[in-house]
Amino acid sequence: MNKLVKRCPWAVSDPLLMAYHDTEWGVPVHNDRKFFEMLILEGMQAGLSWMTILRKRENFHKAFDNFDPKKIAHYNEQKVKTLLTDTGIIRNRLKINSVIQNAKCFLVVQKEFGSFDKYIWKFAYEKPIINGWNSIKDIPARTELSDTISKDLKKRGFKFVGSTICYAFMQATGIVNDHVKDCFRFSSPK
């Protein structure tokens, strides 16, 4: 990782953040498992820092069966109790229960639309929204589009999908490219 490369200011304080910024954030996703992972991780982040989530990411993979919604949809109370004792993840009952609920809802969306990918990209008319922010201060925490997505997900039974979480999810999955103009990733999302 080249530390001399110009990055979004939020990504320069830690090598883990740099790697995430350089290889994932703002990159258009078309893989349903990846969408589910990011939806869960963004929900888990609520009230916490993204750095906390990144540090625990591998533990989340292990604890939640590599984010397989089919497996997670069948978790029972015993599994929830086990997860609540796992120090490698966020041990919040509401968030853990939301993962199970969201897995069930995710499967319904896949069945209805053929894939979550088809469902979520329709909101952006199948192409990334590339913003041209001069500063991270210009980047909104939510938008009308994240409001719309949040409302639709909630209507479908999803939890921990408020507008701010949805906007972070959109950024994480490349539905929105919010790299600032002077960031090397602004003009070259891959």
N, C-alpha and C. Protein backbone atom coordinates (compact mmCIF):
# COMPACT_ATOMS: atom_id res chain seq x y z
N MET A 1 0.83 -1.18 0.00
CA MET A 1 0.00 0.00 0.00
C MET A 1 0.88 1.24 0.00
N ASN A 2 0.70 2.06 -0.97
CA ASN A 2 1.48 3.28 -1.09
C ASN A 2 0.87 4.37 -0.22
N LYS A 3 1.59 4.79 0.80
CA LYS A 3 1.09 5.83 1.69
C LYS A 3 1.15 7.21 1.06
N LEU A 4 1.86 7.35 -0.05
CA LEU A 4 1.97 8.65 -0.71
C LEU A 4 0.81 8.91 -1.66
N VAL A 5 0.06 7.89 -1.97
CA VAL A 5 -1.10 8.04 -2.84
C VAL A 5 -2.15 8.87 -2.11
N LYS A 6 -2.82 9.75 -2.83
CA LYS A 6 -3.86 10.60 -2.24
C LYS A 6 -5.15 9.79 -2.07
N ARG A 7 -5.62 9.72 -0.82
CA ARG A 7 -6.82 8.96 -0.47
C ARG A 7 -7.85 9.88 0.18
N CYS A 8 -9.05 9.37 0.31
CA CYS A 8 -10.05 10.06 1.11
C CYS A 8 -9.48 10.19 2.53
N PRO A 9 -9.63 11.35 3.16
CA PRO A 9 -9.00 11.58 4.46
C PRO A 9 -9.38 10.57 5.55
N TRP A 10 -10.57 10.00 5.51
CA TRP A 10 -10.98 9.05 6.55
C TRP A 10 -10.18 7.75 6.49
N ALA A 11 -9.48 7.50 5.38
CA ALA A 11 -8.83 6.20 5.17
C ALA A 11 -7.33 6.20 5.40
N VAL A 12 -6.78 7.25 5.94
CA VAL A 12 -5.32 7.32 6.02
C VAL A 12 -4.74 6.97 7.39
N SER A 13 -5.58 6.76 8.38
CA SER A 13 -5.08 6.58 9.74
C SER A 13 -4.66 5.16 10.10
N ASP A 14 -5.03 4.19 9.29
CA ASP A 14 -4.78 2.80 9.66
C ASP A 14 -4.64 1.95 8.39
N PRO A 15 -3.69 1.00 8.37
CA PRO A 15 -3.53 0.14 7.19
C PRO A 15 -4.78 -0.66 6.83
N LEU A 16 -5.56 -1.06 7.84
CA LEU A 16 -6.79 -1.80 7.58
C LEU A 16 -7.81 -0.93 6.85
N LEU A 17 -7.92 0.32 7.30
CA LEU A 17 -8.81 1.27 6.62
C LEU A 17 -8.33 1.56 5.21
N MET A 18 -7.02 1.71 5.04
CA MET A 18 -6.46 1.97 3.71
C MET A 18 -6.79 0.83 2.75
N ALA A 19 -6.59 -0.38 3.21
CA ALA A 19 -6.86 -1.55 2.35
C ALA A 19 -8.34 -1.61 1.98
N TYR A 20 -9.21 -1.38 2.95
CA TYR A 20 -10.65 -1.38 2.69
C TYR A 20 -11.00 -0.29 1.67
N HIS A 21 -10.50 0.91 1.90
CA HIS A 21 -10.73 2.04 1.00
C HIS A 21 -10.22 1.74 -0.41
N ASP A 22 -9.03 1.20 -0.50
CA ASP A 22 -8.37 1.02 -1.79
C ASP A 22 -8.96 -0.12 -2.62
N THR A 23 -9.54 -1.12 -1.97
CA THR A 23 -9.96 -2.31 -2.70
C THR A 23 -11.47 -2.59 -2.68
N GLU A 24 -12.20 -1.99 -1.73
CA GLU A 24 -13.62 -2.33 -1.60
C GLU A 24 -14.58 -1.16 -1.67
N TRP A 25 -14.31 -0.13 -0.88
CA TRP A 25 -15.28 0.96 -0.71
C TRP A 25 -15.52 1.65 -2.05
N GLY A 26 -16.76 1.71 -2.45
CA GLY A 26 -17.11 2.36 -3.71
C GLY A 26 -17.02 1.47 -4.93
N VAL A 27 -16.61 0.22 -4.75
CA VAL A 27 -16.51 -0.72 -5.87
C VAL A 27 -17.88 -1.37 -6.07
N PRO A 28 -18.46 -1.28 -7.26
CA PRO A 28 -19.77 -1.88 -7.50
C PRO A 28 -19.80 -3.39 -7.24
N VAL A 29 -20.72 -3.78 -6.39
CA VAL A 29 -20.92 -5.19 -6.01
C VAL A 29 -22.06 -5.76 -6.84
N HIS A 30 -21.89 -7.03 -7.25
CA HIS A 30 -22.97 -7.74 -7.95
C HIS A 30 -23.08 -9.17 -7.43
N ASN A 31 -22.60 -9.38 -6.23
CA ASN A 31 -22.60 -10.71 -5.60
C ASN A 31 -23.52 -10.67 -4.38
N ASP A 32 -24.55 -11.51 -4.40
CA ASP A 32 -25.53 -11.46 -3.32
C ASP A 32 -24.93 -11.73 -1.95
N ARG A 33 -23.98 -12.64 -1.84
CA ARG A 33 -23.37 -12.93 -0.54
C ARG A 33 -22.64 -11.69 -0.02
N LYS A 34 -21.97 -10.98 -0.90
CA LYS A 34 -21.26 -9.76 -0.51
C LYS A 34 -22.26 -8.68 -0.09
N PHE A 35 -23.37 -8.57 -0.82
CA PHE A 35 -24.40 -7.62 -0.42
C PHE A 35 -24.90 -7.93 0.99
N PHE A 36 -25.15 -9.21 1.25
CA PHE A 36 -25.66 -9.59 2.56
C PHE A 36 -24.63 -9.28 3.64
N GLU A 37 -23.38 -9.61 3.37
CA GLU A 37 -22.31 -9.31 4.34
C GLU A 37 -22.29 -7.82 4.68
N MET A 38 -22.31 -6.98 3.67
CA MET A 38 -22.21 -5.55 3.92
C MET A 38 -23.45 -5.00 4.61
N LEU A 39 -24.62 -5.54 4.27
CA LEU A 39 -25.84 -5.12 4.95
C LEU A 39 -25.74 -5.44 6.44
N ILE A 40 -25.23 -6.62 6.76
CA ILE A 40 -25.10 -7.03 8.15
C ILE A 40 -24.03 -6.20 8.86
N LEU A 41 -22.88 -6.05 8.23
CA LEU A 41 -21.80 -5.30 8.87
C LEU A 41 -22.19 -3.83 9.10
N GLU A 42 -22.87 -3.24 8.14
CA GLU A 42 -23.30 -1.85 8.31
C GLU A 42 -24.31 -1.74 9.46
N GLY A 43 -25.20 -2.71 9.57
CA GLY A 43 -26.15 -2.72 10.69
C GLY A 43 -25.44 -2.92 12.02
N MET A 44 -24.44 -3.77 12.03
CA MET A 44 -23.67 -4.01 13.25
C MET A 44 -22.90 -2.76 13.67
N GLN A 45 -22.53 -1.94 12.70
CA GLN A 45 -21.75 -0.74 13.00
C GLN A 45 -22.56 0.32 13.72
N ALA A 46 -23.87 0.29 13.62
CA ALA A 46 -24.71 1.35 14.21
C ALA A 46 -24.23 1.70 15.62
N GLY A 47 -23.85 2.96 15.80
CA GLY A 47 -23.38 3.44 17.09
C GLY A 47 -21.91 3.16 17.37
N LEU A 48 -21.23 2.53 16.44
CA LEU A 48 -19.82 2.16 16.61
C LEU A 48 -19.00 2.72 15.45
N SER A 49 -17.70 2.54 15.52
CA SER A 49 -16.85 2.98 14.42
C SER A 49 -16.69 1.86 13.40
N TRP A 50 -16.45 2.24 12.15
CA TRP A 50 -16.21 1.25 11.10
C TRP A 50 -14.93 0.47 11.39
N MET A 51 -13.99 1.10 12.03
CA MET A 51 -12.73 0.44 12.39
C MET A 51 -13.00 -0.75 13.31
N THR A 52 -13.91 -0.59 14.25
CA THR A 52 -14.30 -1.68 15.14
C THR A 52 -14.81 -2.86 14.34
N ILE A 53 -15.64 -2.59 13.34
CA ILE A 53 -16.21 -3.65 12.51
C ILE A 53 -15.12 -4.31 11.67
N LEU A 54 -14.26 -3.51 11.06
CA LEU A 54 -13.19 -4.09 10.24
C LEU A 54 -12.29 -5.02 11.06
N ARG A 55 -11.98 -4.61 12.28
CA ARG A 55 -11.13 -5.45 13.14
C ARG A 55 -11.79 -6.78 13.49
N LYS A 56 -13.11 -6.79 13.53
CA LYS A 56 -13.85 -8.00 13.90
C LYS A 56 -14.41 -8.75 12.68
N ARG A 57 -14.11 -8.27 11.51
CA ARG A 57 -14.74 -8.80 10.30
C ARG A 57 -14.54 -10.31 10.13
N GLU A 58 -13.34 -10.78 10.29
CA GLU A 58 -13.09 -12.22 10.15
C GLU A 58 -13.85 -13.02 11.19
N ASN A 59 -13.97 -12.47 12.40
CA ASN A 59 -14.76 -13.15 13.43
C ASN A 59 -16.23 -13.21 13.04
N PHE A 60 -16.72 -12.13 12.43
CA PHE A 60 -18.10 -12.14 11.94
C PHE A 60 -18.29 -13.24 10.90
N HIS A 61 -17.32 -13.38 10.01
CA HIS A 61 -17.41 -14.44 8.99
C HIS A 61 -17.55 -15.81 9.64
N LYS A 62 -16.73 -16.06 10.64
CA LYS A 62 -16.77 -17.37 11.32
C LYS A 62 -18.07 -17.54 12.09
N ALA A 63 -18.45 -16.53 12.84
CA ALA A 63 -19.63 -16.63 13.70
C ALA A 63 -20.92 -16.75 12.91
N PHE A 64 -20.98 -16.11 11.74
CA PHE A 64 -22.21 -16.09 10.95
C PHE A 64 -22.08 -16.88 9.65
N ASP A 65 -21.41 -18.04 9.73
CA ASP A 65 -21.36 -18.98 8.60
C ASP A 65 -21.04 -18.29 7.28
N ASN A 66 -20.01 -17.45 7.28
CA ASN A 66 -19.60 -16.73 6.08
C ASN A 66 -20.75 -15.98 5.41
N PHE A 67 -21.64 -15.48 6.25
CA PHE A 67 -22.78 -14.67 5.80
C PHE A 67 -23.66 -15.41 4.81
N ASP A 68 -23.88 -16.68 5.07
CA ASP A 68 -24.79 -17.48 4.24
C ASP A 68 -26.21 -17.26 4.75
N PRO A 69 -27.04 -16.52 4.02
CA PRO A 69 -28.39 -16.22 4.52
C PRO A 69 -29.25 -17.47 4.71
N LYS A 70 -29.02 -18.51 3.91
CA LYS A 70 -29.81 -19.74 4.06
C LYS A 70 -29.55 -20.40 5.41
N LYS A 71 -28.30 -20.41 5.83
CA LYS A 71 -27.97 -20.99 7.14
C LYS A 71 -28.44 -20.08 8.27
N ILE A 72 -28.19 -18.79 8.14
CA ILE A 72 -28.52 -17.85 9.20
C ILE A 72 -30.03 -17.78 9.43
N ALA A 73 -30.81 -17.91 8.38
CA ALA A 73 -32.28 -17.86 8.50
C ALA A 73 -32.81 -18.95 9.42
N HIS A 74 -32.02 -20.00 9.64
CA HIS A 74 -32.45 -21.12 10.49
C HIS A 74 -31.82 -21.10 11.88
N TYR A 75 -31.14 -20.03 12.23
CA TYR A 75 -30.57 -19.93 13.57
C TYR A 75 -31.69 -19.95 14.60
N ASN A 76 -31.43 -20.64 15.71
CA ASN A 76 -32.42 -20.73 16.79
C ASN A 76 -31.90 -19.99 18.03
N GLU A 77 -32.66 -20.05 19.11
CA GLU A 77 -32.30 -19.35 20.34
C GLU A 77 -30.99 -19.83 20.91
N GLN A 78 -30.70 -21.12 20.77
CA GLN A 78 -29.42 -21.65 21.26
C GLN A 78 -28.25 -21.01 20.50
N LYS A 79 -28.41 -20.85 19.19
CA LYS A 79 -27.37 -20.21 18.39
C LYS A 79 -27.21 -18.74 18.80
N VAL A 80 -28.32 -18.07 19.08
CA VAL A 80 -28.27 -16.68 19.53
C VAL A 80 -27.50 -16.60 20.85
N LYS A 81 -27.77 -17.52 21.77
CA LYS A 81 -27.05 -17.54 23.05
C LYS A 81 -25.56 -17.73 22.84
N THR A 82 -25.21 -18.61 21.92
CA THR A 82 -23.79 -18.83 21.60
C THR A 82 -23.16 -17.56 21.05
N LEU A 83 -23.85 -16.90 20.14
CA LEU A 83 -23.34 -15.67 19.55
C LEU A 83 -23.17 -14.57 20.60
N LEU A 84 -24.07 -14.53 21.57
CA LEU A 84 -23.99 -13.52 22.62
C LEU A 84 -22.77 -13.71 23.53
N THR A 85 -22.16 -14.88 23.48
CA THR A 85 -20.95 -15.13 24.28
C THR A 85 -19.68 -14.99 23.46
N ASP A 86 -19.81 -14.72 22.17
CA ASP A 86 -18.66 -14.64 21.27
C ASP A 86 -18.02 -13.24 21.36
N THR A 87 -16.87 -13.15 22.03
CA THR A 87 -16.21 -11.86 22.22
C THR A 87 -15.62 -11.30 20.92
N GLY A 88 -15.60 -12.10 19.87
CA GLY A 88 -15.04 -11.64 18.60
C GLY A 88 -16.00 -10.84 17.75
N ILE A 89 -17.26 -10.75 18.18
CA ILE A 89 -18.26 -10.01 17.41
C ILE A 89 -18.93 -8.97 18.30
N ILE A 90 -19.88 -8.25 17.75
CA ILE A 90 -20.68 -7.30 18.53
C ILE A 90 -21.77 -8.11 19.21
N ARG A 91 -21.76 -8.13 20.53
CA ARG A 91 -22.69 -8.98 21.28
C ARG A 91 -23.91 -8.18 21.73
N ASN A 92 -24.73 -7.85 20.79
CA ASN A 92 -25.94 -7.09 21.04
C ASN A 92 -27.11 -7.93 20.54
N ARG A 93 -27.99 -8.30 21.45
CA ARG A 93 -29.10 -9.20 21.10
C ARG A 93 -29.96 -8.65 19.97
N LEU A 94 -30.27 -7.35 20.01
CA LEU A 94 -31.10 -6.78 18.95
C LEU A 94 -30.41 -6.88 17.59
N LYS A 95 -29.12 -6.61 17.56
CA LYS A 95 -28.39 -6.69 16.30
C LYS A 95 -28.27 -8.13 15.82
N ILE A 96 -28.01 -9.05 16.73
CA ILE A 96 -27.91 -10.46 16.35
C ILE A 96 -29.26 -10.97 15.83
N ASN A 97 -30.32 -10.63 16.54
CA ASN A 97 -31.65 -11.04 16.06
C ASN A 97 -31.97 -10.41 14.71
N SER A 98 -31.48 -9.18 14.48
CA SER A 98 -31.73 -8.54 13.19
C SER A 98 -31.02 -9.28 12.06
N VAL A 99 -29.87 -9.84 12.34
CA VAL A 99 -29.15 -10.61 11.31
C VAL A 99 -30.01 -11.79 10.85
N ILE A 100 -30.62 -12.47 11.81
CA ILE A 100 -31.47 -13.62 11.49
C ILE A 100 -32.71 -13.16 10.71
N GLN A 101 -33.34 -12.11 11.20
CA GLN A 101 -34.51 -11.56 10.51
C GLN A 101 -34.15 -11.11 9.09
N ASN A 102 -33.01 -10.42 8.97
CA ASN A 102 -32.60 -9.92 7.66
C ASN A 102 -32.26 -11.06 6.71
N ALA A 103 -31.73 -12.15 7.22
CA ALA A 103 -31.45 -13.32 6.37
C ALA A 103 -32.75 -13.85 5.77
N LYS A 104 -33.78 -13.95 6.60
CA LYS A 104 -35.08 -14.42 6.12
C LYS A 104 -35.64 -13.48 5.05
N CYS A 105 -35.56 -12.19 5.31
CA CYS A 105 -36.07 -11.19 4.36
C CYS A 105 -35.24 -11.19 3.08
N PHE A 106 -33.94 -11.35 3.21
CA PHE A 106 -33.03 -11.38 2.07
C PHE A 106 -33.42 -12.52 1.12
N LEU A 107 -33.72 -13.68 1.70
CA LEU A 107 -34.11 -14.84 0.88
C LEU A 107 -35.42 -14.58 0.14
N VAL A 108 -36.34 -13.88 0.78
CA VAL A 108 -37.61 -13.54 0.14
C VAL A 108 -37.36 -12.59 -1.04
N VAL A 109 -36.49 -11.61 -0.84
CA VAL A 109 -36.17 -10.67 -1.92
C VAL A 109 -35.51 -11.41 -3.09
N GLN A 110 -34.58 -12.32 -2.77
CA GLN A 110 -33.93 -13.11 -3.83
C GLN A 110 -34.97 -13.89 -4.63
N LYS A 111 -35.90 -14.48 -3.94
CA LYS A 111 -36.93 -15.27 -4.62
C LYS A 111 -37.81 -14.37 -5.50
N GLU A 112 -38.18 -13.21 -4.98
CA GLU A 112 -39.06 -12.30 -5.72
C GLU A 112 -38.39 -11.70 -6.95
N PHE A 113 -37.11 -11.31 -6.82
CA PHE A 113 -36.44 -10.58 -7.90
C PHE A 113 -35.43 -11.43 -8.68
N GLY A 114 -35.18 -12.64 -8.23
CA GLY A 114 -34.18 -13.48 -8.87
C GLY A 114 -32.82 -13.36 -8.21
N SER A 115 -32.56 -12.19 -7.62
CA SER A 115 -31.33 -11.96 -6.85
C SER A 115 -31.49 -10.65 -6.09
N PHE A 116 -30.74 -10.52 -5.03
CA PHE A 116 -30.73 -9.24 -4.32
C PHE A 116 -30.09 -8.17 -5.21
N ASP A 117 -29.11 -8.59 -5.98
CA ASP A 117 -28.44 -7.69 -6.92
C ASP A 117 -29.45 -6.99 -7.83
N LYS A 118 -30.36 -7.74 -8.42
CA LYS A 118 -31.37 -7.14 -9.31
C LYS A 118 -32.27 -6.18 -8.53
N TYR A 119 -32.61 -6.57 -7.31
CA TYR A 119 -33.47 -5.73 -6.47
C TYR A 119 -32.80 -4.39 -6.14
N ILE A 120 -31.58 -4.45 -5.62
CA ILE A 120 -30.96 -3.24 -5.08
C ILE A 120 -30.49 -2.29 -6.18
N TRP A 121 -29.99 -2.82 -7.27
CA TRP A 121 -29.48 -1.94 -8.34
C TRP A 121 -30.59 -1.22 -9.08
N LYS A 122 -31.83 -1.72 -9.01
CA LYS A 122 -32.93 -1.02 -9.68
C LYS A 122 -33.12 0.38 -9.10
N PHE A 123 -32.75 0.56 -7.84
CA PHE A 123 -32.90 1.87 -7.22
C PHE A 123 -31.96 2.91 -7.85
N ALA A 124 -30.83 2.45 -8.36
CA ALA A 124 -29.85 3.35 -8.98
C ALA A 124 -29.88 3.23 -10.51
N TYR A 125 -30.93 2.64 -11.03
CA TYR A 125 -31.08 2.45 -12.48
C TYR A 125 -29.89 1.68 -13.07
N GLU A 126 -29.44 0.67 -12.31
CA GLU A 126 -28.40 -0.28 -12.74
C GLU A 126 -27.02 0.32 -12.98
N LYS A 127 -26.75 1.52 -12.49
CA LYS A 127 -25.39 2.03 -12.64
C LYS A 127 -24.99 2.86 -11.42
N PRO A 128 -23.71 2.84 -11.08
CA PRO A 128 -23.25 3.57 -9.89
C PRO A 128 -23.50 5.07 -10.00
N ILE A 129 -23.81 5.65 -8.87
CA ILE A 129 -23.96 7.10 -8.76
C ILE A 129 -22.59 7.63 -8.36
N ILE A 130 -21.98 8.38 -9.23
CA ILE A 130 -20.64 8.90 -8.95
C ILE A 130 -20.77 10.37 -8.58
N ASN A 131 -20.58 10.63 -7.30
CA ASN A 131 -20.64 12.00 -6.82
C ASN A 131 -19.27 12.65 -6.99
N GLY A 132 -19.23 13.93 -6.95
CA GLY A 132 -17.98 14.64 -7.13
C GLY A 132 -17.70 15.58 -5.97
N TRP A 133 -17.51 15.00 -4.81
CA TRP A 133 -17.31 15.82 -3.62
C TRP A 133 -15.89 16.36 -3.56
N ASN A 134 -15.76 17.61 -3.14
CA ASN A 134 -14.44 18.21 -2.96
C ASN A 134 -13.85 17.86 -1.60
N SER A 135 -14.69 17.60 -0.63
CA SER A 135 -14.25 17.36 0.74
C SER A 135 -15.16 16.32 1.39
N ILE A 136 -14.62 15.59 2.36
CA ILE A 136 -15.47 14.62 3.06
C ILE A 136 -16.57 15.33 3.84
N LYS A 137 -16.37 16.61 4.12
CA LYS A 137 -17.41 17.40 4.81
C LYS A 137 -18.65 17.55 3.94
N ASP A 138 -18.48 17.42 2.63
CA ASP A 138 -19.60 17.56 1.69
C ASP A 138 -20.45 16.29 1.59
N ILE A 139 -19.90 15.17 2.00
CA ILE A 139 -20.58 13.88 1.83
C ILE A 139 -21.74 13.78 2.82
N PRO A 140 -22.93 13.52 2.33
CA PRO A 140 -24.09 13.44 3.23
C PRO A 140 -24.10 12.12 4.01
N ALA A 141 -24.82 12.12 5.10
CA ALA A 141 -25.00 10.90 5.90
C ALA A 141 -26.17 10.08 5.36
N ARG A 142 -27.06 10.74 4.63
CA ARG A 142 -28.22 10.09 4.04
C ARG A 142 -28.68 10.94 2.87
N THR A 143 -29.46 10.34 1.98
CA THR A 143 -29.99 11.06 0.82
C THR A 143 -31.44 10.63 0.60
N GLU A 144 -32.09 11.26 -0.35
CA GLU A 144 -33.45 10.83 -0.69
C GLU A 144 -33.46 9.38 -1.13
N LEU A 145 -32.42 8.97 -1.87
CA LEU A 145 -32.35 7.58 -2.33
C LEU A 145 -32.16 6.62 -1.16
N SER A 146 -31.31 6.97 -0.21
CA SER A 146 -31.15 6.07 0.95
C SER A 146 -32.44 6.04 1.77
N ASP A 147 -33.16 7.15 1.82
CA ASP A 147 -34.47 7.17 2.48
C ASP A 147 -35.42 6.17 1.79
N THR A 148 -35.43 6.20 0.46
CA THR A 148 -36.30 5.32 -0.32
C THR A 148 -35.95 3.86 -0.10
N ILE A 149 -34.65 3.55 -0.16
CA ILE A 149 -34.21 2.17 0.04
C ILE A 149 -34.53 1.71 1.45
N SER A 150 -34.26 2.56 2.43
CA SER A 150 -34.55 2.22 3.83
C SER A 150 -36.04 1.91 4.01
N LYS A 151 -36.86 2.77 3.47
CA LYS A 151 -38.32 2.59 3.59
C LYS A 151 -38.76 1.26 2.96
N ASP A 152 -38.19 0.96 1.79
CA ASP A 152 -38.58 -0.28 1.11
C ASP A 152 -38.08 -1.51 1.88
N LEU A 153 -36.85 -1.46 2.37
CA LEU A 153 -36.33 -2.59 3.15
C LEU A 153 -37.15 -2.80 4.43
N LYS A 154 -37.48 -1.73 5.10
CA LYS A 154 -38.29 -1.83 6.33
C LYS A 154 -39.65 -2.43 6.03
N LYS A 155 -40.25 -1.98 4.91
CA LYS A 155 -41.56 -2.51 4.50
C LYS A 155 -41.47 -4.03 4.28
N ARG A 156 -40.30 -4.49 3.86
CA ARG A 156 -40.09 -5.91 3.61
C ARG A 156 -39.67 -6.67 4.86
N GLY A 157 -39.58 -5.97 6.00
CA GLY A 157 -39.29 -6.63 7.27
C GLY A 157 -37.85 -6.56 7.75
N PHE A 158 -36.96 -5.92 6.99
CA PHE A 158 -35.56 -5.81 7.40
C PHE A 158 -35.44 -4.92 8.64
N LYS A 159 -34.42 -5.19 9.45
CA LYS A 159 -34.12 -4.42 10.66
C LYS A 159 -32.74 -3.79 10.54
N PHE A 160 -32.50 -2.74 11.32
CA PHE A 160 -31.23 -2.00 11.31
C PHE A 160 -30.89 -1.55 9.88
N VAL A 161 -31.88 -0.95 9.24
CA VAL A 161 -31.71 -0.45 7.87
C VAL A 161 -32.24 0.98 7.75
N GLY A 162 -31.91 1.79 8.74
CA GLY A 162 -32.28 3.20 8.67
C GLY A 162 -31.58 3.86 7.50
N SER A 163 -31.96 5.07 7.20
CA SER A 163 -31.43 5.76 6.03
C SER A 163 -29.91 5.95 6.10
N THR A 164 -29.37 6.27 7.26
CA THR A 164 -27.92 6.45 7.39
C THR A 164 -27.19 5.13 7.16
N ILE A 165 -27.71 4.05 7.71
CA ILE A 165 -27.12 2.72 7.49
C ILE A 165 -27.21 2.37 6.01
N CYS A 166 -28.35 2.66 5.39
CA CYS A 166 -28.51 2.37 3.96
C CYS A 166 -27.53 3.17 3.11
N TYR A 167 -27.29 4.43 3.49
CA TYR A 167 -26.34 5.21 2.70
C TYR A 167 -24.93 4.64 2.83
N ALA A 168 -24.54 4.25 4.04
CA ALA A 168 -23.23 3.63 4.23
C ALA A 168 -23.14 2.32 3.44
N PHE A 169 -24.23 1.57 3.41
CA PHE A 169 -24.29 0.33 2.62
C PHE A 169 -24.12 0.64 1.13
N MET A 170 -24.78 1.69 0.66
CA MET A 170 -24.67 2.10 -0.74
C MET A 170 -23.22 2.47 -1.08
N GLN A 171 -22.55 3.17 -0.17
CA GLN A 171 -21.14 3.53 -0.38
C GLN A 171 -20.27 2.27 -0.38
N ALA A 172 -20.52 1.39 0.57
CA ALA A 172 -19.69 0.19 0.72
C ALA A 172 -19.80 -0.74 -0.48
N THR A 173 -20.95 -0.74 -1.13
CA THR A 173 -21.19 -1.68 -2.23
C THR A 173 -21.11 -1.01 -3.61
N GLY A 174 -20.67 0.22 -3.64
CA GLY A 174 -20.45 0.90 -4.91
C GLY A 174 -21.69 1.37 -5.63
N ILE A 175 -22.83 1.29 -4.99
CA ILE A 175 -24.03 1.87 -5.58
C ILE A 175 -23.81 3.38 -5.67
N VAL A 176 -23.07 3.88 -4.69
CA VAL A 176 -22.63 5.27 -4.67
C VAL A 176 -21.12 5.28 -4.58
N ASN A 177 -20.49 6.10 -5.40
CA ASN A 177 -19.04 6.30 -5.31
C ASN A 177 -18.84 7.67 -4.69
N ASP A 178 -18.46 7.69 -3.41
CA ASP A 178 -18.27 8.95 -2.70
C ASP A 178 -16.80 9.25 -2.42
N HIS A 179 -15.90 8.69 -3.23
CA HIS A 179 -14.50 9.09 -3.10
C HIS A 179 -14.42 10.56 -3.47
N VAL A 180 -13.67 11.33 -2.69
CA VAL A 180 -13.53 12.75 -2.99
C VAL A 180 -12.72 12.92 -4.28
N LYS A 181 -12.87 14.07 -4.92
CA LYS A 181 -12.29 14.30 -6.25
C LYS A 181 -10.78 14.10 -6.31
N ASP A 182 -10.07 14.44 -5.24
CA ASP A 182 -8.61 14.30 -5.30
C ASP A 182 -8.11 12.94 -4.83
N CYS A 183 -9.02 12.03 -4.53
CA CYS A 183 -8.65 10.66 -4.16
C CYS A 183 -8.33 9.86 -5.42
N PHE A 184 -7.32 9.02 -5.35
CA PHE A 184 -6.96 8.24 -6.54
C PHE A 184 -8.06 7.28 -6.96
N ARG A 185 -9.00 6.96 -6.08
CA ARG A 185 -10.11 6.06 -6.42
C ARG A 185 -11.30 6.78 -7.04
N PHE A 186 -11.31 8.10 -7.01
CA PHE A 186 -12.45 8.82 -7.56
C PHE A 186 -12.68 8.52 -9.03
N SER A 187 -11.63 8.58 -9.81
CA SER A 187 -11.80 8.40 -11.24
C SER A 187 -11.58 6.97 -11.71
N SER A 188 -11.22 6.10 -10.79
CA SER A 188 -10.93 4.73 -11.22
C SER A 188 -11.57 3.66 -10.35
N PRO A 189 -12.90 3.75 -10.10
CA PRO A 189 -13.52 2.68 -9.33
C PRO A 189 -13.44 1.37 -10.12
N LYS A 190 -13.01 0.32 -9.44
CA LYS A 190 -12.85 -0.99 -10.11
C LYS A 190 -13.75 -2.01 -9.49
